[in-house]
Amino acid sequence: MEDLNKNQIILLALLVSFVAAVATSIMTYSLLNEAPPTITQTINRVVERTVETVVPQQSKPDVITKEVTVVVKEEDLVIDSIAKNKSSIVRIWRSPVNGEESKIFLGIGLIVNKDGLIMTGKIAEIPNNAQIEVMMPDGKIANLDPLRDSDSEKFSFFKIKDLADFIFTEVVLGNSDSLQLGQSIISIEGIEKNEVSTGRVTGIESSDGEDGVVVTSLFETDVLGVLFGSPAINLKGEIVGIGVGEEGNFIPANLLKTDLEALTNI
């Protein structure tokens, strides 16, 4: 030992430690093989817990679910419903005849398809020498050709001349047979510009349809100032009725659907 230098002494110490570790491992393995199962199980559990403590398992991040309650106000639904229909509402006029001094307002109309077909409530009579025109949503004026009245005799239909000059936005017709008492209704009126009234369904008149199905024939509302042809709109933005010019009364849109289908299938 006295002849060894410092580095040799360190190497010798490492060698002795290595040999002692190997000998300890061999002895431990031999003793474990001879030990009862309960002792080996206990030792294994201690080793496993020691490893878990030294090298902890990587835990997955918690997934946090946050519920958000969205409150939809009726006012917002009214605004959205008006916005969906304002590009489909027109005003129908006829030229003055027989000494009349100004144009005659016939009613509010709706664009019901992209081919320029326009409808309003049934117009009683139009002089043969009168010219019919329509004011489009953007303020432009177009001439109209009158078509035949509907099969139900509740609506009048017109076709726009010079179709190439316009782009049409057709309305969406809802199911008027699903109307309920107390349901909210929006009516767009105004002779020169859009004016809005809101109210509720206050009465429903029904009749027996095909196969005994009950259908709505007329519904009443507390909406004030309904013009001839004014649309009744639900909170989904669907047209559910057409004003008959009487206070708060509307013809159901399902009747218009039937007449429209018959007209376009000719």
Protein backbone atom coordinates (compact mmCIF):
# COMPACT_ATOMS: atom_id res chain seq x y z
CA MET A 1 0.00 0.00 0.00
CA GLU A 2 2.89 2.38 0.74
CA ASP A 3 4.22 1.86 -2.79
CA LEU A 4 0.98 2.95 -4.41
CA ASN A 5 0.43 6.48 -5.55
CA LYS A 6 -2.77 8.46 -5.07
CA ASN A 7 -4.44 7.48 -8.36
CA GLN A 8 -3.73 3.80 -7.83
CA ILE A 9 -5.24 3.93 -4.35
CA ILE A 10 -8.47 5.47 -5.80
CA LEU A 11 -8.67 2.78 -8.49
CA LEU A 12 -8.09 0.07 -5.89
CA ALA A 13 -10.90 1.48 -3.72
CA LEU A 14 -13.28 1.50 -6.70
CA LEU A 15 -12.38 -2.11 -7.51
CA VAL A 16 -12.99 -3.21 -3.93
CA SER A 17 -16.38 -1.39 -3.93
CA PHE A 18 -17.38 -3.03 -7.22
CA VAL A 19 -16.43 -6.50 -5.99
CA ALA A 20 -18.28 -5.90 -2.71
CA ALA A 21 -21.40 -4.76 -4.62
CA VAL A 22 -21.33 -7.84 -6.84
CA ALA A 23 -20.85 -10.10 -3.84
CA THR A 24 -23.73 -8.37 -2.03
CA SER A 25 -26.04 -8.79 -5.05
CA ILE A 26 -25.20 -12.50 -5.28
CA MET A 27 -25.78 -13.02 -1.59
CA THR A 28 -29.05 -11.07 -1.66
CA TYR A 29 -30.33 -13.04 -4.68
CA SER A 30 -29.43 -16.34 -2.95
CA LEU A 31 -31.12 -15.29 0.29
CA LEU A 32 -34.29 -14.13 -1.55
CA ASN A 33 -34.56 -17.46 -3.35
CA GLU A 34 -34.41 -19.25 -0.01
CA ALA A 35 -36.70 -16.77 1.83
CA PRO A 36 -40.45 -17.43 2.30
CA PRO A 37 -42.83 -15.83 -0.32
CA THR A 38 -44.27 -13.34 2.21
CA ILE A 39 -40.84 -11.78 2.78
CA THR A 40 -40.07 -11.46 -0.94
CA GLN A 41 -43.48 -9.87 -1.60
CA THR A 42 -42.84 -7.30 1.14
CA ILE A 43 -39.41 -6.47 -0.26
CA ASN A 44 -40.81 -6.10 -3.80
CA ARG A 45 -43.50 -3.67 -2.56
CA VAL A 46 -40.86 -1.56 -0.77
CA VAL A 47 -38.76 -1.43 -3.94
CA GLU A 48 -41.75 -0.49 -6.13
CA ARG A 49 -42.80 2.34 -3.81
CA THR A 50 -39.22 3.57 -3.63
CA VAL A 51 -39.04 3.69 -7.44
CA GLU A 52 -42.39 5.52 -7.65
CA THR A 53 -41.11 8.09 -5.18
CA VAL A 54 -37.81 8.63 -7.01
CA VAL A 55 -39.36 8.59 -10.51
CA PRO A 56 -42.98 9.84 -10.16
CA GLN A 57 -45.42 8.94 -12.92
CA GLN A 58 -46.19 11.72 -15.32
CA SER A 59 -49.78 12.69 -14.64
CA LYS A 60 -52.01 13.72 -17.52
CA PRO A 61 -53.32 17.27 -17.40
CA ASP A 62 -56.84 17.53 -16.08
CA VAL A 63 -59.51 18.32 -18.68
CA ILE A 64 -61.61 21.21 -17.43
CA THR A 65 -65.12 21.48 -18.90
CA LYS A 66 -66.69 24.87 -18.52
CA GLU A 67 -70.40 25.33 -19.13
CA VAL A 68 -71.45 28.69 -20.56
CA THR A 69 -75.08 29.76 -20.45
CA VAL A 70 -76.11 31.79 -23.51
CA VAL A 71 -79.16 33.96 -22.98
CA VAL A 72 -81.03 34.72 -26.21
CA LYS A 73 -83.29 37.74 -25.88
CA GLU A 74 -86.53 38.02 -27.82
CA GLU A 75 -85.40 41.44 -29.01
CA ASP A 76 -82.40 39.83 -30.75
CA LEU A 77 -84.66 37.27 -32.44
CA VAL A 78 -86.97 40.03 -33.67
CA ILE A 79 -84.05 41.96 -35.16
CA ASP A 80 -82.66 38.83 -36.86
CA SER A 81 -86.08 37.90 -38.27
CA ILE A 82 -86.54 41.36 -39.80
CA ALA A 83 -83.04 41.26 -41.29
CA LYS A 84 -83.76 37.90 -42.96
CA ASN A 85 -86.80 39.29 -44.79
CA LYS A 86 -86.08 42.92 -45.60
CA SER A 87 -84.54 41.99 -48.97
CA SER A 88 -87.71 40.13 -50.02
CA ILE A 89 -90.36 42.77 -49.25
CA VAL A 90 -91.61 45.08 -52.03
CA ARG A 91 -94.36 47.69 -52.55
CA ILE A 92 -96.85 47.37 -55.41
CA TRP A 93 -98.46 50.40 -57.09
CA ARG A 94 -100.58 51.11 -60.14
CA SER A 95 -100.49 54.12 -62.38
CA PRO A 96 -103.26 56.76 -62.15
CA VAL A 97 -106.18 56.34 -64.58
CA ASN A 98 -109.43 58.13 -65.37
CA GLY A 99 -108.29 61.49 -64.02
CA GLU A 100 -106.58 60.22 -60.87
CA GLU A 101 -103.77 62.54 -59.81
CA SER A 102 -101.30 60.11 -58.27
CA LYS A 103 -100.28 56.47 -58.14
CA ILE A 104 -102.44 54.08 -56.09
CA PHE A 105 -100.84 51.86 -53.48
CA LEU A 106 -102.05 48.28 -53.93
CA GLY A 107 -100.22 46.55 -51.11
CA ILE A 108 -97.03 45.05 -49.78
CA GLY A 109 -95.69 42.16 -51.82
CA LEU A 110 -93.25 39.31 -51.27
CA ILE A 111 -90.68 37.85 -53.64
CA VAL A 112 -91.59 34.15 -53.57
CA ASN A 113 -89.01 32.72 -55.95
CA LYS A 114 -85.79 33.64 -57.73
CA ASP A 115 -87.54 33.93 -61.10
CA GLY A 116 -89.11 37.26 -60.15
CA LEU A 117 -92.49 35.96 -59.00
CA ILE A 118 -94.20 38.37 -56.58
CA MET A 119 -97.39 37.91 -54.59
CA THR A 120 -99.68 39.99 -52.42
CA GLY A 121 -103.19 39.60 -51.04
CA LYS A 122 -106.02 39.27 -53.52
CA ILE A 123 -106.42 42.60 -55.34
CA ALA A 124 -110.09 43.17 -56.14
CA GLU A 125 -109.76 44.83 -59.55
CA ILE A 126 -107.08 46.50 -61.66
CA PRO A 127 -108.16 48.78 -64.56
CA ASN A 128 -107.16 47.42 -67.96
CA ASN A 129 -105.32 50.61 -68.89
CA ALA A 130 -103.34 50.78 -65.62
CA GLN A 131 -99.67 50.01 -65.46
CA ILE A 132 -98.45 47.99 -62.46
CA GLU A 133 -95.06 48.67 -60.96
CA VAL A 134 -93.13 47.56 -57.92
CA MET A 135 -90.63 49.32 -55.71
CA MET A 136 -87.83 46.86 -54.94
CA PRO A 137 -86.08 46.67 -51.53
CA ASP A 138 -83.21 48.84 -52.84
CA GLY A 139 -85.64 51.53 -54.06
CA LYS A 140 -85.46 50.64 -57.76
CA ILE A 141 -88.69 50.56 -59.77
CA ALA A 142 -89.70 47.65 -62.03
CA ASN A 143 -92.75 47.00 -64.18
CA LEU A 144 -94.99 44.02 -63.44
CA ASP A 145 -97.06 41.67 -65.55
CA PRO A 146 -100.18 40.47 -63.70
CA LEU A 147 -100.69 36.70 -63.62
CA ARG A 148 -103.83 34.78 -62.76
CA ASP A 149 -105.11 34.88 -59.19
CA SER A 150 -104.48 31.93 -56.93
CA ASP A 151 -106.76 28.89 -56.79
CA SER A 152 -107.92 29.90 -53.32
CA GLU A 153 -108.70 33.42 -54.61
CA LYS A 154 -106.77 34.77 -51.62
CA PHE A 155 -103.65 36.01 -53.43
CA SER A 156 -102.62 37.88 -56.57
CA PHE A 157 -99.42 37.03 -58.45
CA PHE A 158 -97.19 39.17 -60.67
CA LYS A 159 -94.05 38.63 -62.71
CA ILE A 160 -91.26 41.21 -62.94
CA LYS A 161 -90.30 42.36 -66.42
CA ASP A 162 -86.62 42.81 -67.35
CA LEU A 163 -85.42 40.10 -64.96
CA ALA A 164 -81.79 40.67 -65.90
CA ASP A 165 -81.79 44.00 -64.05
CA PHE A 166 -82.41 42.45 -60.62
CA ILE A 167 -81.18 39.86 -58.15
CA PHE A 168 -83.97 38.28 -56.13
CA THR A 169 -83.99 37.03 -52.55
CA GLU A 170 -86.98 34.77 -51.96
CA VAL A 171 -88.79 34.49 -48.64
CA VAL A 172 -88.90 31.37 -46.49
CA LEU A 173 -92.43 30.18 -45.80
CA GLY A 174 -93.04 28.56 -42.41
CA ASN A 175 -95.63 26.06 -41.22
CA SER A 176 -98.68 28.11 -40.25
CA ASP A 177 -100.49 25.02 -38.91
CA SER A 178 -98.00 24.93 -36.03
CA LEU A 179 -99.02 28.39 -34.74
CA GLN A 180 -99.93 28.54 -31.04
CA LEU A 181 -101.97 31.04 -29.06
CA GLY A 182 -99.66 33.56 -27.45
CA GLN A 183 -96.91 33.02 -30.00
CA SER A 184 -94.87 36.11 -30.93
CA ILE A 185 -95.52 37.63 -34.34
CA ILE A 186 -93.68 40.37 -36.24
CA SER A 187 -95.42 42.37 -38.96
CA ILE A 188 -93.61 44.57 -41.49
CA GLU A 189 -95.72 47.45 -42.76
CA GLY A 190 -95.27 50.96 -44.14
CA ILE A 191 -96.20 52.37 -47.54
CA GLU A 192 -92.94 54.21 -48.21
CA LYS A 193 -90.51 52.29 -45.98
CA ASN A 194 -90.38 49.35 -43.61
CA GLU A 195 -92.21 49.88 -40.35
CA VAL A 196 -92.46 47.16 -37.72
CA SER A 197 -95.18 46.06 -35.32
CA THR A 198 -94.98 43.15 -32.92
CA GLY A 199 -97.67 41.23 -31.09
CA ARG A 200 -99.07 37.81 -30.22
CA VAL A 201 -101.42 35.32 -31.82
CA THR A 202 -104.76 35.92 -30.12
CA GLY A 203 -107.07 33.65 -32.11
CA ILE A 204 -106.89 30.80 -34.62
CA GLU A 205 -109.66 29.78 -37.02
CA SER A 206 -109.36 26.21 -38.27
CA SER A 207 -111.10 24.03 -40.80
CA ASP A 208 -111.00 20.39 -41.86
CA GLY A 209 -108.57 19.70 -44.66
CA GLU A 210 -107.85 16.54 -46.63
CA ASP A 211 -107.96 13.21 -44.73
CA GLY A 212 -109.54 14.96 -41.76
CA VAL A 213 -106.41 17.02 -40.99
CA VAL A 214 -107.22 20.27 -39.22
CA VAL A 215 -105.65 23.26 -40.96
CA THR A 216 -105.47 26.94 -40.03
CA SER A 217 -107.72 29.08 -42.25
CA LEU A 218 -107.13 32.46 -40.55
CA PHE A 219 -105.37 33.71 -37.45
CA GLU A 220 -105.84 36.85 -35.43
CA THR A 221 -103.20 38.91 -33.62
CA ASP A 222 -103.02 42.05 -31.55
CA VAL A 223 -100.65 43.61 -34.10
CA LEU A 224 -101.80 47.14 -34.99
CA GLY A 225 -101.98 48.72 -38.42
CA VAL A 226 -101.65 45.67 -40.66
CA LEU A 227 -101.49 46.71 -44.32
CA PHE A 228 -102.81 44.68 -47.22
CA GLY A 229 -100.12 42.06 -47.94
CA SER A 230 -98.11 42.71 -44.76
CA PRO A 231 -96.16 39.58 -43.83
CA ALA A 232 -96.50 37.95 -40.42
CA ILE A 233 -93.10 36.58 -39.38
CA ASN A 234 -92.25 34.20 -36.55
CA LEU A 235 -89.10 34.43 -34.43
CA LYS A 236 -87.30 32.02 -36.78
CA GLY A 237 -87.61 34.54 -39.60
CA GLU A 238 -90.24 32.48 -41.47
CA ILE A 239 -93.30 33.96 -43.13
CA VAL A 240 -96.35 32.39 -41.48
CA GLY A 241 -99.12 34.70 -42.73
CA ILE A 242 -100.19 37.42 -45.17
CA GLY A 243 -102.16 40.47 -43.99
CA VAL A 244 -105.70 40.88 -45.34
CA GLY A 245 -105.86 44.60 -44.63
CA GLU A 246 -107.95 44.15 -41.51
CA GLU A 247 -106.65 44.93 -38.04
CA GLY A 248 -104.37 42.09 -36.97
CA ASN A 249 -105.77 39.37 -39.29
CA PHE A 250 -103.58 37.15 -41.47
CA ILE A 251 -104.11 34.42 -44.08
CA PRO A 252 -101.93 31.40 -43.19
CA ALA A 253 -98.78 30.79 -45.21
CA ASN A 254 -99.63 27.13 -45.81
CA LEU A 255 -102.48 28.24 -48.06
CA LEU A 256 -100.00 30.35 -50.03
CA LYS A 257 -97.69 27.31 -50.36
CA THR A 258 -100.51 25.29 -51.93
CA ASP A 259 -101.48 28.05 -54.37
CA LEU A 260 -97.86 28.74 -55.24
CA GLU A 261 -97.21 25.09 -56.04
CA ALA A 262 -100.27 24.95 -58.27
CA LEU A 263 -99.21 28.13 -60.11
CA THR A 264 -95.61 27.09 -60.75
CA ASN A 265 -96.67 23.63 -61.98
CA ILE A 266 -98.78 25.02 -64.82
